[in-house]
């Protein structure tokens, strides 16, 4: 998954992967872009994540991938509360 993808990089990466999808935001030069060796299926985007790309990755064990650029660590999205941490790993 590439956050803030550009058409030039997406073109190069999509040549190496058989499946790829780009977020459908018009008028935005940088978007979320996902490339995969497995088929991808677009899923509905939760209202709080309108700029996200939600995909089902049809891997041997299918899973849902939410591709989103989080602009700052303090963002408060109900769908991510308790599931994402920006805390330090404790490493120096």
Protein backbone atom coordinates (compact mmCIF):
# COMPACT_ATOMS: atom_id res chain seq x y z
CA UNK A 1 0.00 0.00 0.00
CA UNK A 2 1.30 3.44 -0.89
CA UNK A 3 -0.05 6.52 0.83
CA UNK A 4 0.28 9.73 -1.13
CA UNK A 5 0.97 7.83 -4.33
CA UNK A 6 1.75 9.68 -7.52
CA UNK A 7 0.87 8.56 -11.06
CA UNK A 8 4.55 8.01 -11.93
CA UNK A 9 5.22 5.63 -9.03
CA UNK A 10 1.88 3.87 -9.45
CA UNK A 11 2.71 3.13 -13.09
CA UNK A 12 6.03 1.51 -12.17
CA UNK A 13 4.59 -0.55 -9.31
CA UNK A 14 1.49 -1.68 -11.20
CA UNK A 15 3.74 -3.22 -13.86
CA UNK A 16 5.13 -5.59 -11.21
CA UNK A 17 1.80 -6.64 -9.64
CA UNK A 18 -1.18 -8.13 -11.47
CA UNK A 19 -3.80 -6.45 -9.24
CA UNK A 20 -3.90 -2.79 -8.25
CA UNK A 21 -6.42 -0.17 -7.21
CA UNK A 22 -6.24 3.55 -6.61
CA UNK A 23 -8.52 5.62 -4.41
CA UNK A 24 -11.15 7.36 -6.53
CA UNK A 25 -10.58 10.92 -5.30
CA UNK A 26 -10.80 13.34 -8.19
CA UNK A 27 -8.75 16.50 -8.26
CA UNK A 28 -6.19 15.10 -5.82
CA UNK A 29 -2.68 14.51 -7.11
CA UNK A 30 -1.70 12.11 -4.33
CA UNK A 31 -3.90 9.18 -3.35
CA UNK A 32 -3.88 5.79 -1.68
CA UNK A 33 -2.70 3.05 -4.03
CA UNK A 34 -2.64 -0.70 -3.37
CA UNK A 35 -0.81 -3.29 -5.46
CA UNK A 36 -1.14 -7.01 -4.82
CA UNK A 37 -0.34 -10.47 -6.08
CA UNK A 38 -3.90 -11.41 -5.05
CA UNK A 39 -7.19 -10.15 -6.49
CA UNK A 40 -8.66 -7.07 -4.82
CA UNK A 41 -12.33 -6.29 -4.27
CA UNK A 42 -13.53 -2.79 -3.32
CA UNK A 43 -15.61 -2.60 -0.15
CA UNK A 44 -17.74 0.24 1.26
CA UNK A 45 -15.84 2.99 3.04
CA UNK A 46 -16.99 3.95 6.55
CA UNK A 47 -18.36 7.50 6.64
CA UNK A 48 -15.57 8.69 8.97
CA UNK A 49 -12.91 7.48 6.54
CA UNK A 50 -14.12 9.05 3.30
CA UNK A 51 -10.60 9.42 1.92
CA UNK A 52 -9.76 5.78 2.56
CA UNK A 53 -9.62 2.84 0.20
CA UNK A 54 -11.22 -0.27 1.74
CA UNK A 55 -10.43 -3.53 -0.01
CA UNK A 56 -10.92 -7.23 0.46
CA UNK A 57 -7.67 -8.97 -0.43
CA UNK A 58 -8.52 -12.37 -1.87
CA UNK A 59 -5.43 -14.09 -0.45
CA UNK A 60 -5.48 -17.76 0.63
CA UNK A 61 -6.93 -16.37 3.87
CA UNK A 62 -8.93 -13.30 2.71
CA UNK A 63 -8.71 -10.12 4.78
CA UNK A 64 -9.91 -6.52 4.74
CA UNK A 65 -7.30 -3.83 4.12
CA UNK A 66 -8.00 -0.20 4.98
CA UNK A 67 -5.58 2.06 3.12
CA UNK A 68 -5.66 5.54 4.60
CA UNK A 69 -3.20 8.33 5.18
CA UNK A 70 -3.48 9.47 8.80
CA UNK A 71 -2.26 13.07 8.74
CA UNK A 72 -1.43 13.33 12.43
CA UNK A 73 -1.08 11.06 15.43
CA UNK A 74 -3.85 12.82 17.37
CA UNK A 75 -6.58 12.09 14.85
CA UNK A 76 -9.76 10.85 16.53
CA UNK A 77 -11.64 8.42 14.30
CA UNK A 78 -14.17 6.13 16.00
CA UNK A 79 -13.33 3.25 13.64
CA UNK A 80 -9.66 3.32 14.71
CA UNK A 81 -10.10 4.02 18.43
CA UNK A 82 -8.25 1.35 20.40
CA UNK A 83 -6.95 -0.34 17.24
CA UNK A 84 -4.08 1.90 16.18
CA UNK A 85 -1.25 3.15 18.33
CA UNK A 86 1.27 5.84 17.56
CA UNK A 87 3.06 5.20 20.86
CA UNK A 88 6.79 4.74 20.94
CA UNK A 89 8.00 1.17 20.85
CA UNK A 90 10.32 2.00 23.73
CA UNK A 91 13.41 1.74 21.54
CA UNK A 92 15.94 4.56 21.91
